[in-house]
Amino acid sequence: VALDIGTSSSGYAISSYDSYKRDPLQISTFSWKSRTDGFQHFKTLSAVLLNPSGELHSIGYDAEYHYINSLQEEERQQWFYFQNFKMMLYNHQISRDLILHDVKGKPQKALKIFAFIIQGLREDFTTRLAEQITLGEGAVDEDIHWVITVPAIWDEKAKQFMREAARQAGILNDRLSIALEPEAAALYCRFLPVEKLKGSSQDEEISQLKTFSPGAQYLIVDLGGGTVDITAHEILPNGALKEIVAASGGNWGSLVINDEFINLIEDLTETDIMKFIKENHPDDFLTFMSVFENKKRVFSKDDDRVILHVPQSIRDIMCERLGKSVEDHIEEIDRAQEVKFQRDKMYIYNEAFTKLLSGTIEKIVLHVTAVIESNKLKVDSIVLVGGFAECDLLKSTFRTSFPDTRILVPEDPVLAVLKGAVLCGRNPQILQTRVCRYTYGICTTVDFDEKYYTPDKKIHIGGNTLARDIFNIHIKANETVHIGQKGTPKKYYLNRDDQDQLDLEIYASTKTKPKYTTEDGVFYLGILVIKIPQMAAVCNKSRYFSVSFLLDGTEMEVEAVDSATNETTGVKFDFIG
């Protein structure tokens, strides 16, 4: 069972063993009905509703509907409604105590909210399984392996945070694996028949087939709501994948366009008017933004205009703030060529709507261009996946910007990551090499050498002159690492005879050769704890542990060998406190 917790939408997909053996692409997904817009969707909303006691009431479209339609305004002051919260794990100081604020600014712990949405999806799966799917005597926890997707540009802190959220939601740690979103999408596209990939032109089938032939290089651009993830792969002779460039991307997801839309409304009317509407009429604000969310995905560059329904409360607030009708105000400020308000409708004309989208699309295209040119890649194809890949303007911009490269989009781009995550669970070794995004190392002390270390790093311990804050490198950024391959072991000595554990601080950096853990571009990840078996005949002062880093799948692991026994001992990461 794969769970995709997206910024704007979430869902799950399942694959039974028998179905997979018959056809790897026989993957079950489910539609979710929104009672707000009346439509069926491939995923549900990334939303969580808690009652006044802080207990889970509902998730997804059910949460949205109950919050908007079943609660009075005074009740909403007591309830907690969270939406689009995934981006809190991007470029934030992640910990167990990280706080999220709901649509009215009320706080709850982020870990709790993520656990609740995982719990809600898990419970929905269990219910549907009992109602619709026959799996022999019925599935139990031991029969299920779970996969949770995360952006490739997330660090180890965010991955451990999601693991802990899953544990709190009732998923056992040894029954869970993490899949990187663009890698999952790549695997899905590898399994797709040729006719399921829509190319930029009517290419011959044999030409499209070469996209995933041995030696072919291609880019996967995962266009999510919060982030855009870009990875580059090469097909190996055995059909496995080789990552040829470290994953990259940024916060250019489609939700950025929502901010552009809010800016447009406020530019046309009054600064902070949408903030006022969100705080005082959150139901209508959410409805209005939901309509825009759907329109931006289906917008075509050939559309004359986009029509949005405007809730009455929003029109009333605009008129009250402006002191006149919105229609008259638009005429007065000479913006009628961009937008038009008429009764309960807002019309945004092609040029103005294109402008809302084009800034974000241009940033994505520029980054893809930089990835290709700076790494001198010879990609045969660029594969677009994710909800924003449905946008016609985005696809046409890619085709214009990369005229000699096939632009391919699976027929269900919004489900590519979700279905691919199922395949990752079935094929955990499909990616054989990965390019590290960061340099990883451990903070240590070494003998002080005035020719090499600055005076401020000099310390004196037990009659020894040492240099502190040294970044002892284990894995370098942009280094190609074979999955499961251990790095070079490095020794870390104990300090006392009564020492029962060794705590090592782990750091990461975008630099290839950082010298100190205190320099710019270096950030603290967490603690590596090594438990020390007590041995009466062993002097701890000469005892050390040989520590090796390895990438096993999508997560970093560490092995520690005790010099006293030459045996591997238990280690524990703590990245989130």
Protein backbone atom coordinates (compact mmCIF):
# COMPACT_ATOMS: atom_id res chain seq x y z
CA VAL A 1 0.00 0.00 0.00
CA ALA A 2 1.49 3.33 -1.07
CA LEU A 3 0.54 6.58 0.65
CA ASP A 4 1.20 9.86 -1.14
CA ILE A 5 0.87 12.81 1.25
CA GLY A 6 0.91 15.76 -1.12
CA THR A 7 0.87 19.48 -0.44
CA SER A 8 -2.59 19.98 -1.92
CA SER A 9 -3.90 16.40 -2.33
CA SER A 10 -3.27 12.94 -0.87
CA GLY A 11 -4.27 9.38 -1.61
CA TYR A 12 -3.24 5.74 -1.65
CA ALA A 13 -2.82 2.86 -4.07
CA ILE A 14 -2.68 -0.88 -3.48
CA SER A 15 -1.28 -3.92 -5.22
CA SER A 16 -1.93 -7.50 -4.14
CA TYR A 17 0.77 -10.07 -4.74
CA ASP A 18 -1.36 -12.12 -7.16
CA SER A 19 -2.35 -9.05 -9.15
CA TYR A 20 1.26 -7.92 -9.41
CA LYS A 21 2.35 -11.31 -10.74
CA ARG A 22 -0.33 -11.14 -13.44
CA ASP A 23 0.34 -7.51 -14.36
CA PRO A 24 2.64 -5.11 -12.44
CA LEU A 25 0.39 -2.21 -13.48
CA GLN A 26 -2.73 -3.79 -11.98
CA ILE A 27 -2.72 -1.21 -9.22
CA SER A 28 -5.93 -0.16 -7.50
CA THR A 29 -6.62 3.49 -6.79
CA PHE A 30 -9.84 5.07 -5.59
CA SER A 31 -11.84 8.14 -6.48
CA TRP A 32 -12.77 10.68 -3.83
CA LYS A 33 -15.92 12.78 -4.11
CA SER A 34 -15.86 16.40 -3.09
CA ARG A 35 -19.22 17.55 -1.78
CA THR A 36 -17.96 21.11 -2.20
CA ASP A 37 -17.64 21.02 -6.00
CA GLY A 38 -19.57 17.80 -6.66
CA PHE A 39 -16.78 16.17 -8.69
CA GLN A 40 -14.88 12.90 -8.31
CA HIS A 41 -11.12 13.30 -7.85
CA PHE A 42 -8.14 10.95 -8.16
CA LYS A 43 -7.00 12.02 -4.69
CA THR A 44 -8.57 13.61 -1.66
CA LEU A 45 -7.68 16.98 -0.19
CA SER A 46 -4.63 17.26 2.08
CA ALA A 47 -6.78 18.49 4.91
CA VAL A 48 -7.24 17.51 8.57
CA LEU A 49 -10.09 18.54 10.88
CA LEU A 50 -9.80 18.20 14.66
CA ASN A 51 -12.57 18.68 17.18
CA PRO A 52 -12.17 21.18 20.05
CA SER A 53 -10.45 18.47 22.13
CA GLY A 54 -7.78 18.10 19.46
CA GLU A 55 -9.00 14.66 18.35
CA LEU A 56 -9.25 13.62 14.71
CA HIS A 57 -12.69 14.19 13.21
CA SER A 58 -12.03 13.68 9.49
CA ILE A 59 -9.56 14.19 6.66
CA GLY A 60 -9.72 15.22 3.03
CA TYR A 61 -12.90 16.38 1.35
CA ASP A 62 -14.97 15.21 4.32
CA ALA A 63 -12.95 17.52 6.57
CA GLU A 64 -13.41 20.44 4.18
CA TYR A 65 -17.16 19.90 3.83
CA HIS A 66 -17.78 19.55 7.55
CA TYR A 67 -15.74 22.64 8.35
CA ILE A 68 -17.43 24.76 5.68
CA ASN A 69 -21.01 23.51 5.87
CA SER A 70 -21.63 21.85 9.24
CA LEU A 71 -20.00 24.27 11.67
CA GLN A 72 -21.25 27.69 12.65
CA GLU A 73 -18.74 30.53 12.75
CA GLU A 74 -18.48 30.45 16.56
CA GLU A 75 -17.86 26.69 16.41
CA ARG A 76 -15.04 27.17 13.91
CA GLN A 77 -13.24 29.21 16.53
CA GLN A 78 -12.99 26.04 18.64
CA TRP A 79 -12.22 23.47 15.93
CA PHE A 80 -8.88 23.06 14.10
CA TYR A 81 -8.75 22.92 10.30
CA PHE A 82 -5.40 22.35 8.55
CA GLN A 83 -4.76 22.39 4.80
CA ASN A 84 -1.67 22.54 2.54
CA PHE A 85 0.64 21.89 5.51
CA LYS A 86 3.26 19.65 3.89
CA MET A 87 5.49 22.57 2.92
CA MET A 88 6.25 23.12 6.62
CA LEU A 89 8.80 20.31 6.25
CA TYR A 90 10.68 22.19 3.50
CA ASN A 91 13.48 24.48 4.70
CA HIS A 92 12.21 24.57 8.30
CA GLN A 93 13.88 23.48 11.53
CA ILE A 94 12.17 20.11 11.87
CA SER A 95 11.67 18.62 15.31
CA ARG A 96 9.08 16.71 17.30
CA ASP A 97 7.93 20.05 18.66
CA LEU A 98 7.46 21.78 15.29
CA ILE A 99 4.18 23.73 15.38
CA LEU A 100 1.59 24.16 12.61
CA HIS A 101 -1.11 26.81 12.65
CA ASP A 102 -4.57 26.13 11.26
CA VAL A 103 -6.51 28.44 8.92
CA LYS A 104 -7.41 30.66 11.89
CA GLY A 105 -3.92 30.64 13.39
CA LYS A 106 -4.52 28.12 16.19
CA PRO A 107 -1.51 25.86 16.97
CA GLN A 108 -1.08 22.09 17.01
CA LYS A 109 2.05 19.96 16.80
CA ALA A 110 3.01 19.18 13.21
CA LEU A 111 3.83 15.56 14.03
CA LYS A 112 0.28 15.07 15.28
CA ILE A 113 -1.27 16.51 12.11
CA PHE A 114 0.87 14.39 9.79
CA ALA A 115 0.11 11.30 11.87
CA PHE A 116 -3.61 12.05 11.63
CA ILE A 117 -3.68 12.30 7.84
CA ILE A 118 -1.72 9.03 7.58
CA GLN A 119 -4.12 7.47 10.08
CA GLY A 120 -7.11 8.72 8.09
CA LEU A 121 -5.81 7.24 4.85
CA ARG A 122 -4.92 3.98 6.61
CA GLU A 123 -8.41 3.68 8.10
CA ASP A 124 -10.04 4.49 4.76
CA PHE A 125 -7.96 1.75 3.14
CA THR A 126 -8.97 -0.75 5.83
CA THR A 127 -12.65 0.10 5.37
CA ARG A 128 -12.56 -0.16 1.57
CA LEU A 129 -10.55 -3.37 1.80
CA ALA A 130 -13.24 -4.98 3.93
CA GLU A 131 -16.03 -3.74 1.64
CA GLN A 132 -14.63 -4.22 -1.85
CA ILE A 133 -11.54 -6.38 -2.00
CA THR A 134 -11.15 -10.09 -1.34
CA LEU A 135 -7.69 -11.21 -0.29
CA GLY A 136 -8.14 -14.76 0.93
CA GLU A 137 -8.82 -14.77 4.66
CA GLY A 138 -8.41 -11.00 4.83
CA ALA A 139 -5.34 -8.87 5.23
CA VAL A 140 -3.72 -8.20 8.57
CA ASP A 141 -0.87 -5.84 9.43
CA GLU A 142 1.74 -8.56 8.85
CA ASP A 143 0.46 -9.02 5.28
CA ILE A 144 0.86 -5.37 4.35
CA HIS A 145 3.98 -3.43 3.41
CA TRP A 146 3.52 0.33 3.44
CA VAL A 147 5.33 2.88 1.28
CA ILE A 148 5.23 6.62 1.97
CA THR A 149 6.41 9.09 -0.67
CA VAL A 150 8.55 12.15 0.03
CA PRO A 151 10.15 14.76 -2.26
CA ALA A 152 13.68 13.87 -3.37
CA ILE A 153 14.92 17.26 -2.15
CA TRP A 154 13.92 16.53 1.46
CA ASP A 155 16.72 15.79 3.91
CA GLU A 156 17.06 12.99 6.45
CA LYS A 157 15.26 14.98 9.14
CA ALA A 158 12.09 15.16 7.08
CA LYS A 159 12.25 11.46 6.22
CA GLN A 160 12.58 10.48 9.88
CA PHE A 161 9.76 12.87 10.73
CA MET A 162 7.47 11.03 8.29
CA ARG A 163 8.56 7.66 9.72
CA GLU A 164 7.65 8.84 13.22
CA ALA A 165 4.29 10.18 12.00
CA ALA A 166 3.57 6.80 10.39
CA ARG A 167 4.50 5.02 13.64
CA GLN A 168 2.10 7.20 15.58
CA ALA A 169 -0.56 6.37 12.96
CA GLY A 170 -0.14 2.66 13.71
CA ILE A 171 2.28 1.58 10.96
CA LEU A 172 5.14 -0.60 12.18
CA ASN A 173 8.60 0.68 11.32
CA ASP A 174 9.77 -2.61 9.82
CA ARG A 175 6.68 -2.68 7.58
CA LEU A 176 7.42 0.74 6.08
CA SER A 177 9.73 2.06 3.39
CA ILE A 178 10.25 5.55 2.00
CA ALA A 179 10.01 6.25 -1.75
CA LEU A 180 11.31 9.40 -3.39
CA GLU A 181 8.56 10.94 -5.49
CA PRO A 182 10.35 11.45 -8.84
CA GLU A 183 11.98 8.01 -8.58
CA ALA A 184 8.56 6.45 -8.05
CA ALA A 185 7.23 8.29 -11.08
CA ALA A 186 10.22 7.14 -13.15
CA LEU A 187 9.60 3.51 -12.23
CA TYR A 188 5.92 3.83 -13.14
CA CYS A 189 6.81 5.24 -16.56
CA ARG A 190 9.30 2.41 -17.08
CA PHE A 191 6.47 -0.11 -16.74
CA LEU A 192 3.95 1.83 -18.85
CA PRO A 193 3.19 0.58 -22.37
CA VAL A 194 4.21 3.03 -25.08
CA GLU A 195 0.67 4.14 -25.89
CA LYS A 196 0.15 5.32 -22.30
CA LEU A 197 2.83 8.01 -22.68
CA LYS A 198 1.66 11.08 -24.52
CA GLY A 199 4.47 12.61 -26.55
CA SER A 200 4.86 16.11 -27.87
CA SER A 201 4.11 14.94 -31.40
CA GLN A 202 2.84 11.88 -33.21
CA ASP A 203 6.13 10.01 -32.88
CA GLU A 204 6.43 6.49 -34.12
CA GLU A 205 6.10 3.88 -31.39
CA ILE A 206 9.64 2.63 -31.89
CA SER A 207 10.92 6.18 -31.29
CA GLN A 208 9.06 6.48 -28.00
CA LEU A 209 10.19 3.01 -26.98
CA LYS A 210 13.81 4.18 -27.11
CA THR A 211 13.03 6.49 -24.20
CA PHE A 212 13.41 3.55 -21.83
CA SER A 213 15.92 1.42 -23.73
CA PRO A 214 19.38 0.63 -22.26
CA GLY A 215 21.67 3.65 -22.45
CA ALA A 216 18.85 6.18 -22.71
CA GLN A 217 18.95 9.19 -20.41
CA TYR A 218 15.85 11.08 -19.35
CA LEU A 219 14.64 13.65 -16.84
CA ILE A 220 11.68 13.24 -14.52
CA VAL A 221 10.08 16.53 -13.51
CA ASP A 222 7.63 15.99 -10.65
CA LEU A 223 5.34 19.01 -10.53
CA GLY A 224 3.66 18.92 -7.16
CA GLY A 225 1.62 21.46 -5.27
CA GLY A 226 4.45 22.59 -3.01
CA THR A 227 7.72 21.56 -4.64
CA VAL A 228 9.15 20.66 -8.01
CA ASP A 229 11.53 17.67 -7.94
CA ILE A 230 13.93 16.94 -10.79
CA THR A 231 15.94 13.75 -11.21
CA ALA A 232 17.94 12.35 -14.12
CA HIS A 233 18.29 8.63 -14.83
CA GLU A 234 20.03 6.35 -17.27
CA ILE A 235 18.73 2.91 -18.18
CA LEU A 236 21.28 0.17 -17.45
CA PRO A 237 21.66 -2.95 -19.64
CA ASN A 238 19.83 -5.06 -17.02
CA GLY A 239 16.88 -2.66 -17.07
CA ALA A 240 17.69 -1.12 -13.68
CA LEU A 241 18.09 2.64 -13.17
CA LYS A 242 21.19 4.70 -12.53
CA GLU A 243 20.86 8.20 -11.10
CA ILE A 244 23.22 10.45 -13.05
CA VAL A 245 22.63 13.80 -11.31
CA ALA A 246 21.75 14.57 -7.70
CA ALA A 247 18.08 15.37 -7.20
CA SER A 248 17.29 19.07 -7.22
CA GLY A 249 14.33 21.40 -7.29
CA GLY A 250 12.64 24.08 -5.27
CA ASN A 251 9.41 25.51 -3.94
CA TRP A 252 7.93 26.30 -7.34
CA GLY A 253 4.90 24.07 -6.94
CA SER A 254 1.50 25.03 -8.26
CA LEU A 255 0.48 26.56 -4.91
CA VAL A 256 2.83 29.45 -5.69
CA ILE A 257 0.35 30.35 -8.42
CA ASN A 258 -2.39 30.53 -5.78
CA ASP A 259 -0.34 33.25 -4.10
CA GLU A 260 -0.09 35.06 -7.45
CA PHE A 261 -3.88 34.89 -7.75
CA ILE A 262 -4.32 36.35 -4.25
CA ASN A 263 -1.87 39.12 -5.17
CA LEU A 264 -3.93 39.85 -8.28
CA ILE A 265 -7.16 40.15 -6.26
CA GLU A 266 -5.48 42.48 -3.77
CA ASP A 267 -3.87 44.52 -6.54
CA LEU A 268 -7.32 45.00 -8.07
CA THR A 269 -9.03 45.82 -4.77
CA GLU A 270 -7.18 46.37 -1.49
CA THR A 271 -4.08 45.06 0.28
CA ASP A 272 -4.77 42.23 2.76
CA ILE A 273 -8.40 41.89 1.70
CA MET A 274 -7.94 38.15 1.07
CA LYS A 275 -6.33 37.75 4.49
CA PHE A 276 -9.41 39.40 6.00
CA ILE A 277 -11.72 37.10 4.03
CA LYS A 278 -9.71 34.02 5.04
CA GLU A 279 -9.90 34.95 8.72
CA ASN A 280 -13.56 36.00 8.76
CA HIS A 281 -15.12 33.85 6.05
CA PRO A 282 -12.83 30.79 5.80
CA ASP A 283 -15.60 28.71 4.24
CA ASP A 284 -16.02 31.02 1.25
CA PHE A 285 -12.28 31.61 1.01
CA LEU A 286 -11.64 27.86 0.73
CA THR A 287 -14.44 27.44 -1.82
CA PHE A 288 -13.10 30.31 -3.94
CA MET A 289 -9.53 28.98 -3.88
CA SER A 290 -10.73 25.44 -4.64
CA VAL A 291 -12.40 26.70 -7.81
CA PHE A 292 -9.21 28.50 -8.85
CA GLU A 293 -7.14 25.37 -8.09
CA ASN A 294 -9.19 23.35 -10.58
CA LYS A 295 -9.19 26.08 -13.25
CA LYS A 296 -5.41 26.53 -13.32
CA ARG A 297 -4.88 22.82 -14.02
CA VAL A 298 -7.19 22.70 -17.03
CA PHE A 299 -6.31 26.12 -18.43
CA SER A 300 -5.33 26.04 -22.10
CA LYS A 301 -3.31 28.70 -23.85
CA ASP A 302 -6.14 28.84 -26.40
CA ASP A 303 -8.83 29.69 -23.83
CA ASP A 304 -10.23 33.19 -24.27
CA ARG A 305 -10.98 33.54 -20.58
CA VAL A 306 -11.38 31.68 -17.29
CA ILE A 307 -14.62 31.98 -15.34
CA LEU A 308 -14.63 31.73 -11.53
CA HIS A 309 -17.63 31.68 -9.21
CA VAL A 310 -17.29 34.39 -6.52
CA PRO A 311 -19.08 33.70 -3.20
CA GLN A 312 -21.48 36.45 -2.15
CA SER A 313 -19.57 37.28 1.05
CA ILE A 314 -16.42 38.02 -0.95
CA ARG A 315 -18.29 40.32 -3.34
CA ASP A 316 -19.91 42.12 -0.40
CA ILE A 317 -16.57 42.68 1.33
CA MET A 318 -15.01 43.99 -1.88
CA CYS A 319 -17.85 46.43 -2.45
CA GLU A 320 -17.79 47.56 1.19
CA ARG A 321 -14.05 48.18 1.16
CA LEU A 322 -14.13 49.94 -2.21
CA GLY A 323 -17.25 51.98 -1.49
CA LYS A 324 -18.64 51.09 -4.90
CA SER A 325 -19.40 48.11 -7.09
CA VAL A 326 -16.45 45.98 -8.14
CA GLU A 327 -17.50 46.41 -11.78
CA ASP A 328 -17.28 50.23 -11.56
CA HIS A 329 -13.94 50.05 -9.71
CA ILE A 330 -12.35 47.84 -12.37
CA GLU A 331 -13.42 50.32 -15.04
CA GLU A 332 -12.06 53.26 -13.05
CA ILE A 333 -8.60 51.72 -12.57
CA ASP A 334 -8.49 50.77 -16.26
CA ARG A 335 -8.09 47.01 -15.71
CA ALA A 336 -11.15 45.89 -17.69
CA GLN A 337 -8.91 44.38 -20.36
CA GLU A 338 -7.59 41.92 -17.72
CA VAL A 339 -10.59 41.00 -15.61
CA LYS A 340 -14.33 41.47 -15.39
CA PHE A 341 -16.75 41.05 -12.50
CA GLN A 342 -20.39 40.40 -13.30
CA ARG A 343 -22.87 39.33 -10.61
CA ASP A 344 -21.38 36.13 -9.03
CA LYS A 345 -18.71 35.61 -11.71
CA MET A 346 -15.13 36.75 -12.15
CA TYR A 347 -13.74 36.60 -15.68
CA ILE A 348 -9.96 36.54 -16.10
CA TYR A 349 -8.88 37.01 -19.71
CA ASN A 350 -6.22 34.91 -21.38
CA GLU A 351 -3.28 37.31 -21.09
CA ALA A 352 -3.88 38.01 -17.40
CA PHE A 353 -4.40 34.35 -16.51
CA THR A 354 -1.32 33.34 -18.50
CA LYS A 355 0.67 35.90 -16.52
CA LEU A 356 -0.43 34.23 -13.26
CA LEU A 357 1.07 30.94 -14.38
CA SER A 358 4.02 31.99 -16.52
CA GLY A 359 6.33 33.24 -13.75
CA THR A 360 6.33 29.89 -11.98
CA ILE A 361 6.55 27.92 -15.22
CA GLU A 362 9.54 29.99 -16.34
CA LYS A 363 11.39 29.26 -13.08
CA ILE A 364 10.82 25.54 -13.58
CA VAL A 365 12.03 25.65 -17.18
CA LEU A 366 15.11 27.69 -16.24
CA HIS A 367 16.06 25.17 -13.57
CA VAL A 368 15.58 22.21 -15.91
CA THR A 369 17.74 24.00 -18.49
CA ALA A 370 20.44 24.60 -15.87
CA VAL A 371 20.39 20.93 -14.81
CA ILE A 372 20.85 19.77 -18.40
CA GLU A 373 23.51 22.32 -19.38
CA SER A 374 25.59 22.35 -16.19
CA ASN A 375 25.83 18.54 -16.17
CA LYS A 376 26.18 18.26 -19.98
CA LEU A 377 23.34 15.76 -20.12
CA LYS A 378 22.17 14.22 -23.36
CA VAL A 379 18.61 13.46 -22.38
CA ASP A 380 16.33 11.74 -24.88
CA SER A 381 13.14 12.76 -23.09
CA ILE A 382 11.68 14.86 -20.30
CA VAL A 383 8.81 13.19 -18.47
CA LEU A 384 6.34 15.48 -16.70
CA VAL A 385 4.33 14.05 -13.79
CA GLY A 386 2.26 15.40 -10.90
CA GLY A 387 -0.96 17.38 -10.82
CA PHE A 388 0.49 20.47 -12.48
CA ALA A 389 1.65 18.34 -15.44
CA GLU A 390 -1.98 18.48 -16.63
CA CYS A 391 -1.60 22.20 -17.34
CA ASP A 392 -1.63 22.81 -21.09
CA LEU A 393 0.35 26.05 -20.81
CA LEU A 394 3.14 24.28 -18.92
CA LYS A 395 3.35 21.47 -21.47
CA SER A 396 3.41 23.86 -24.43
CA THR A 397 6.12 25.95 -22.75
CA PHE A 398 8.29 22.85 -22.28
CA ARG A 399 7.83 21.86 -25.93
CA THR A 400 8.86 25.32 -27.08
CA SER A 401 11.83 25.50 -24.68
CA PHE A 402 13.16 22.01 -25.53
CA PRO A 403 12.29 21.55 -29.22
CA ASP A 404 14.76 18.68 -29.78
CA THR A 405 13.66 16.67 -26.73
CA ARG A 406 10.52 14.58 -26.42
CA ILE A 407 8.17 15.89 -23.75
CA LEU A 408 6.23 12.92 -22.39
CA VAL A 409 3.30 12.91 -19.97
CA PRO A 410 1.63 9.72 -18.68
CA GLU A 411 -2.12 9.70 -19.26
CA ASP A 412 -2.68 9.92 -15.50
CA PRO A 413 0.16 12.24 -14.35
CA VAL A 414 -1.49 12.99 -11.01
CA LEU A 415 -1.26 9.27 -10.10
CA ALA A 416 2.22 8.56 -11.48
CA VAL A 417 3.99 9.02 -8.13
CA LEU A 418 1.34 7.07 -6.23
CA LYS A 419 1.34 4.07 -8.56
CA GLY A 420 5.11 4.24 -8.89
CA ALA A 421 5.47 4.09 -5.12
CA VAL A 422 3.67 0.74 -5.17
CA LEU A 423 6.19 -0.49 -7.73
CA CYS A 424 9.04 0.82 -5.54
CA GLY A 425 7.74 -1.36 -2.74
CA ARG A 426 7.83 -4.34 -5.10
CA ASN A 427 11.20 -3.40 -6.65
CA PRO A 428 13.31 -1.79 -3.91
CA GLN A 429 16.58 -2.43 -5.75
CA ILE A 430 15.52 -1.02 -9.13
CA LEU A 431 17.73 2.06 -8.58
CA GLN A 432 21.28 0.74 -8.35
CA THR A 433 23.25 3.97 -7.92
CA ARG A 434 22.39 7.33 -6.43
CA VAL A 435 24.16 10.69 -6.57
CA CYS A 436 24.40 12.24 -3.10
CA ARG A 437 22.87 15.68 -2.67
CA TYR A 438 24.92 16.48 0.42
CA THR A 439 28.26 15.81 2.03
CA TYR A 440 27.66 13.86 5.26
CA GLY A 441 30.04 13.66 8.17
CA ILE A 442 30.58 13.56 11.91
CA CYS A 443 31.87 16.32 14.17
CA THR A 444 35.11 15.28 15.84
CA THR A 445 38.39 16.49 17.30
CA VAL A 446 41.88 15.85 15.91
CA ASP A 447 45.45 16.74 16.82
CA PHE A 448 45.95 20.46 16.34
CA ASP A 449 48.19 21.55 13.45
CA GLU A 450 48.72 25.32 13.30
CA LYS A 451 49.51 25.09 9.57
CA TYR A 452 46.09 23.66 8.86
CA TYR A 453 43.67 24.79 11.58
CA THR A 454 42.77 28.31 12.72
CA PRO A 455 43.69 29.37 16.30
CA ASP A 456 40.04 29.65 17.40
CA LYS A 457 39.68 25.88 16.97
CA LYS A 458 42.50 25.07 19.43
CA ILE A 459 41.48 23.35 22.68
CA HIS A 460 43.38 21.52 25.45
CA ILE A 461 42.06 18.23 26.82
CA GLY A 462 44.01 15.92 29.17
CA GLY A 463 47.34 17.39 28.22
CA ASN A 464 46.61 17.13 24.49
CA THR A 465 46.26 20.05 22.10
CA LEU A 466 43.35 19.38 19.76
CA ALA A 467 41.35 21.04 17.02
CA ARG A 468 37.58 21.06 17.57
CA ASP A 469 34.53 21.26 15.23
CA ILE A 470 36.22 19.18 12.53
CA PHE A 471 33.90 17.92 9.77
CA ASN A 472 35.01 14.29 9.33
CA ILE A 473 33.65 13.45 5.88
CA HIS A 474 31.99 10.09 5.24
CA ILE A 475 30.08 10.72 1.98
CA LYS A 476 30.71 13.61 -0.42
CA ALA A 477 28.15 15.68 -2.28
CA ASN A 478 27.74 14.64 -5.95
CA GLU A 479 29.47 11.34 -5.21
CA THR A 480 27.94 8.34 -6.99
CA VAL A 481 27.10 5.68 -4.42
CA HIS A 482 26.04 2.13 -5.13
CA ILE A 483 22.96 1.20 -3.15
CA GLY A 484 23.95 -0.96 -0.16
CA GLN A 485 27.66 -0.18 -0.54
CA LYS A 486 29.41 0.80 2.69
CA GLY A 487 31.64 3.82 2.81
CA THR A 488 35.16 3.86 4.20
CA PRO A 489 35.02 3.20 7.98
CA LYS A 490 36.40 5.85 10.33
CA LYS A 491 37.41 5.44 13.97
CA TYR A 492 35.79 7.18 16.93
CA TYR A 493 37.37 6.58 20.35
CA LEU A 494 35.70 6.43 23.75
CA ASN A 495 36.59 8.94 26.47
CA ARG A 496 35.90 7.14 29.76
CA ASP A 497 35.95 3.63 31.21
CA ASP A 498 32.39 4.04 32.52
CA GLN A 499 31.01 5.25 29.17
CA ASP A 500 27.85 3.32 28.17
CA GLN A 501 27.07 5.11 24.91
CA LEU A 502 28.85 7.15 22.27
CA ASP A 503 26.98 10.20 20.95
CA LEU A 504 28.19 11.47 17.60
CA GLU A 505 26.87 14.66 15.99
CA ILE A 506 26.02 14.26 12.29
CA TYR A 507 26.31 17.23 9.94
CA ALA A 508 25.58 17.79 6.26
CA SER A 509 26.72 20.35 3.73
CA THR A 510 26.18 21.34 0.12
CA LYS A 511 29.98 21.77 -0.12
CA THR A 512 32.13 18.91 -1.35
CA LYS A 513 34.91 19.37 1.23
CA PRO A 514 33.74 21.30 4.29
CA LYS A 515 36.49 21.70 6.88
CA TYR A 516 34.57 22.76 10.00
CA THR A 517 31.05 22.01 11.19
CA THR A 518 30.67 25.72 12.03
CA GLU A 519 31.27 27.17 8.57
CA ASP A 520 28.64 28.53 6.19
CA GLY A 521 26.80 25.94 4.14
CA VAL A 522 26.98 23.32 6.91
CA PHE A 523 23.92 22.32 8.93
CA TYR A 524 23.32 20.05 11.89
CA LEU A 525 21.29 16.90 11.22
CA GLY A 526 21.12 15.09 14.54
CA ILE A 527 22.69 12.60 16.90
CA LEU A 528 23.99 9.11 16.17
CA VAL A 529 23.82 7.05 19.36
CA ILE A 530 26.01 3.93 19.68
CA LYS A 531 25.24 1.68 22.63
CA ILE A 532 28.41 0.33 24.28
CA PRO A 533 28.32 -3.23 25.66
CA GLN A 534 30.11 -3.26 29.02
CA MET A 535 33.14 -5.57 29.21
CA ALA A 536 35.08 -5.86 32.49
CA ALA A 537 38.41 -6.76 30.91
CA VAL A 538 38.39 -3.99 28.29
CA CYS A 539 39.88 -0.52 28.78
CA ASN A 540 37.54 1.97 27.14
CA LYS A 541 40.25 4.57 26.61
CA SER A 542 41.82 2.45 23.86
CA ARG A 543 38.49 1.22 22.58
CA TYR A 544 36.95 2.65 19.42
CA PHE A 545 34.12 2.08 16.97
CA SER A 546 34.64 1.91 13.21
CA VAL A 547 31.71 3.83 11.75
CA SER A 548 30.61 3.41 8.11
CA PHE A 549 27.85 5.27 6.28
CA LEU A 550 25.79 3.56 3.60
CA LEU A 551 22.75 4.33 1.49
CA ASP A 552 20.36 1.40 1.54
CA GLY A 553 17.44 2.40 -0.62
CA THR A 554 16.31 5.97 -0.02
CA GLU A 555 17.53 6.45 3.55
CA MET A 556 20.93 6.79 5.16
CA GLU A 557 22.11 4.02 7.45
CA VAL A 558 25.17 3.62 9.66
CA GLU A 559 27.14 0.57 10.78
CA ALA A 560 29.38 0.63 13.87
CA VAL A 561 31.93 -2.13 14.61
CA ASP A 562 33.27 -2.48 18.15
CA SER A 563 37.10 -2.77 18.20
CA ALA A 564 36.89 -4.88 21.38
CA THR A 565 34.78 -7.63 19.81
CA ASN A 566 34.94 -6.92 16.06
CA GLU A 567 31.16 -7.19 16.12
CA THR A 568 28.55 -4.78 14.78
CA THR A 569 26.67 -3.02 17.55
CA GLY A 570 23.32 -1.26 17.64
CA VAL A 571 23.05 2.34 16.43
CA LYS A 572 20.19 4.80 16.53
CA PHE A 573 19.58 8.03 14.64
CA ASP A 574 17.81 10.93 16.27
CA PHE A 575 17.31 13.68 13.72
CA ILE A 576 14.13 15.21 15.15
CA GLY A 577 14.90 15.44 18.87
